[in-house]
Protein backbone atom coordinates (compact mmCIF):
# COMPACT_ATOMS: atom_id res chain seq x y z
CA UNK A 1 100.22 327.41 68.10
CA UNK A 2 99.96 329.41 71.27
CA UNK A 3 96.33 328.49 71.94
CA UNK A 4 93.83 325.74 71.33
CA UNK A 5 91.29 327.05 68.84
CA UNK A 6 90.39 326.89 65.18
CA UNK A 7 93.52 327.14 63.07
CA UNK A 8 92.31 330.40 61.50
CA UNK A 9 90.87 332.13 64.56
CA UNK A 10 90.32 335.89 64.40
CA UNK A 11 91.23 335.97 68.10
CA UNK A 12 94.56 334.24 67.51
CA UNK A 13 97.80 336.17 67.36
CA UNK A 14 99.38 337.00 64.02
CA UNK A 15 102.10 334.36 64.43
CA UNK A 16 99.48 331.64 64.90
CA UNK A 17 97.46 332.54 61.80
CA UNK A 18 100.64 332.80 59.72
CA UNK A 19 101.65 329.35 60.98
CA UNK A 20 98.18 328.06 60.09
CA UNK A 21 98.55 329.49 56.58
CA UNK A 22 101.87 327.68 56.22
CA UNK A 23 100.36 324.39 57.36
CA UNK A 24 97.02 324.74 55.50
CA UNK A 25 97.62 326.78 52.32
CA UNK A 26 94.48 325.50 50.57
CA UNK A 27 92.28 326.53 53.50
CA UNK A 28 94.01 329.94 53.61
CA UNK A 29 93.19 330.41 49.92
CA UNK A 30 89.53 329.69 50.69
CA UNK A 31 89.62 332.36 53.39
CA UNK A 32 91.01 334.86 50.86
CA UNK A 33 88.04 334.14 48.59
CA UNK A 34 85.56 334.66 51.43
CA UNK A 35 87.37 337.78 52.59
CA UNK A 36 87.11 339.21 49.07
CA UNK A 37 83.41 338.36 48.80
CA UNK A 38 82.61 339.85 52.21
CA UNK A 39 84.81 342.90 51.68
CA UNK A 40 86.38 342.85 55.13
CA UNK A 41 89.83 341.95 56.46
CA UNK A 42 90.20 338.65 58.25
CA UNK A 43 91.42 340.53 61.33
CA UNK A 44 91.06 344.25 61.85
CA UNK A 45 93.87 345.74 59.76
CA UNK A 46 95.28 342.35 58.68
CA UNK A 47 93.94 340.64 55.58
CA UNK A 48 94.27 336.94 54.84
CA UNK A 49 96.15 337.94 51.69
CA UNK A 50 98.79 339.63 53.91
CA UNK A 51 98.88 336.58 56.17
CA UNK A 52 99.49 334.31 53.17
CA UNK A 53 102.19 336.65 51.86
CA UNK A 54 103.99 336.42 55.21
CA UNK A 55 103.56 332.64 55.23
CA UNK A 56 104.98 332.39 51.70
CA UNK A 57 107.96 334.56 52.65
CA UNK A 58 108.74 332.25 55.58
CA UNK A 59 108.36 329.18 53.36
CA UNK A 60 110.74 330.73 50.82
CA UNK A 61 113.31 331.51 53.51
CA UNK A 62 113.07 328.35 55.64
CA UNK A 63 111.31 325.81 53.43
CA UNK A 64 107.75 324.54 53.75
CA UNK A 65 106.43 323.21 57.04
CA UNK A 66 105.12 319.70 57.41
CA UNK A 67 102.67 318.44 59.97
CA UNK A 68 104.17 316.12 62.59
CA UNK A 69 103.06 312.49 62.51
CA UNK A 70 99.43 311.99 63.42
CA UNK A 71 98.91 311.70 67.18
CA UNK A 72 102.26 313.22 68.16
CA UNK A 73 100.83 315.94 70.40
CA UNK A 74 98.16 313.69 71.91
CA UNK A 75 100.68 311.00 72.84
CA UNK A 76 102.54 313.56 74.95
CA UNK A 77 99.45 313.80 77.15
CA UNK A 78 98.02 310.29 77.23
CA UNK A 79 100.87 308.07 76.02
CA UNK A 80 101.46 306.16 72.81
CA UNK A 81 99.28 303.16 73.61
CA UNK A 82 96.22 305.26 74.52
CA UNK A 83 96.81 307.47 71.49
CA UNK A 84 96.91 304.46 69.17
CA UNK A 85 93.62 303.23 70.65
CA UNK A 86 92.03 306.66 70.27
CA UNK A 87 93.14 307.02 66.65
CA UNK A 88 91.91 303.50 65.89
CA UNK A 89 88.45 304.52 67.19
CA UNK A 90 88.54 307.67 65.08
CA UNK A 91 89.50 305.65 61.99
CA UNK A 92 86.82 303.06 62.72
CA UNK A 93 84.14 305.74 62.94
CA UNK A 94 85.48 307.40 59.78
CA UNK A 95 85.96 310.72 61.50
CA UNK A 96 88.76 313.07 60.58
CA UNK A 97 90.48 315.24 63.12
CA UNK A 98 92.41 317.06 60.41
CA UNK A 99 89.54 318.66 58.52
């Protein structure tokens, strides 16, 4: 992703929301339902249905994407040991960073 924001951010670029749809297809399907109920495109001139179609085309061509192991990005900033401690605290408090 090119920016730190919600995975499906209306301010994100098209490539980012397509990537999000590849990584979170169930959440993208929920956005399609909401988009249909509201009667408005997810982004001006770009519907979530189109985003999902583009994501599916990329999956068909290159195979599905998989999330990297939990904590991979964080460990690049604070190191493996600090990341393990952070994730242990998250697990202990029963929080989920992936939802």
